[in-house]
Amino acid sequence: MFLDLVKAESQKPGTECRVATILRELDKPERAELLEALQSNFAAAAIARALTKMGHDCGPTTITRHRRGDCVCGKAS
């Protein structure tokens, strides 16, 4: 119960996390590949580095939070 309260307090209604923003910005094939990578066992750091090389600044902690559904948008991919 306590952690649920903390999670609720840390989320900003009406916003999305960086991963969700990147997913929205990608074309269909790249979006599908990122979704596949997020659902795989690729390291968050590897995904973050690849996104950064593509011009989408994103850190591994952001990837991990999104995967767990603990990000601002609360969407697990």
Protein backbone atom coordinates (compact mmCIF):
# COMPACT_ATOMS: atom_id res chain seq x y z
CA MET A 1 0.00 0.00 0.00
CA PHE A 2 2.78 2.44 0.89
CA LEU A 3 4.60 1.79 -2.39
CA ASP A 4 1.37 2.28 -4.33
CA LEU A 5 1.02 5.70 -2.70
CA VAL A 6 4.61 6.60 -3.51
CA LYS A 7 4.14 5.47 -7.12
CA ALA A 8 0.95 7.52 -7.44
CA GLU A 9 2.71 10.57 -6.03
CA SER A 10 5.63 10.22 -8.44
CA GLN A 11 3.50 10.08 -11.57
CA LYS A 12 2.47 13.19 -13.45
CA PRO A 13 -1.02 12.77 -14.93
CA GLY A 14 -1.34 13.64 -18.59
CA THR A 15 2.33 13.19 -19.46
CA GLU A 16 4.37 10.40 -20.94
CA CYS A 17 7.85 9.10 -20.34
CA ARG A 18 10.72 9.53 -22.78
CA VAL A 19 10.33 5.99 -24.13
CA ALA A 20 6.65 6.59 -24.95
CA THR A 21 7.60 9.84 -26.68
CA ILE A 22 10.25 8.07 -28.76
CA LEU A 23 7.80 5.29 -29.66
CA ARG A 24 5.31 7.90 -30.85
CA GLU A 25 7.97 9.65 -32.97
CA LEU A 26 9.29 6.55 -34.76
CA ASP A 27 7.96 5.23 -38.04
CA LYS A 28 6.11 1.89 -37.96
CA PRO A 29 9.06 -0.44 -38.68
CA GLU A 30 11.37 1.27 -36.16
CA ARG A 31 8.59 1.38 -33.56
CA ALA A 32 8.02 -2.38 -33.99
CA GLU A 33 11.74 -3.04 -33.58
CA LEU A 34 11.95 -0.91 -30.42
CA LEU A 35 8.90 -2.66 -28.95
CA GLU A 36 10.54 -6.01 -29.70
CA ALA A 37 13.77 -4.88 -28.04
CA LEU A 38 11.88 -3.63 -24.97
CA GLN A 39 10.17 -7.01 -24.60
CA SER A 40 13.40 -8.95 -25.08
CA ASN A 41 16.25 -9.60 -22.69
CA PHE A 42 18.50 -6.95 -24.30
CA ALA A 43 20.20 -4.84 -21.66
CA ALA A 44 18.58 -1.48 -21.01
CA ALA A 45 21.99 0.16 -21.52
CA ALA A 46 22.30 -1.35 -25.03
CA ILE A 47 18.83 -0.13 -25.99
CA ALA A 48 19.58 3.33 -24.60
CA ARG A 49 22.88 3.55 -26.50
CA ALA A 50 21.20 2.48 -29.75
CA LEU A 51 18.43 5.07 -29.29
CA THR A 52 21.01 7.76 -28.57
CA LYS A 53 22.92 6.83 -31.74
CA MET A 54 19.62 7.26 -33.63
CA GLY A 55 19.29 10.78 -32.18
CA HIS A 56 16.86 9.95 -29.36
CA ASP A 57 18.54 10.83 -26.07
CA CYS A 58 17.44 8.23 -23.53
CA GLY A 59 19.16 6.62 -20.57
CA PRO A 60 19.06 3.02 -19.34
CA THR A 61 17.16 3.93 -16.18
CA THR A 62 14.36 5.35 -18.32
CA ILE A 63 14.24 2.09 -20.31
CA THR A 64 14.11 0.02 -17.11
CA ARG A 65 11.36 2.13 -15.56
CA HIS A 66 9.29 1.91 -18.74
CA ARG A 67 9.73 -1.87 -18.94
CA ARG A 68 8.47 -2.23 -15.36
CA GLY A 69 5.60 0.19 -15.90
CA ASP A 70 7.03 2.49 -13.20
CA CYS A 71 7.55 5.42 -15.53
CA VAL A 72 5.51 8.60 -15.64
CA CYS A 73 3.24 7.21 -18.36
CA GLY A 74 2.83 3.91 -16.51
CA LYS A 75 2.91 1.93 -19.74
CA ALA A 76 4.88 -1.28 -19.79
CA SER A 77 6.03 -2.31 -23.26
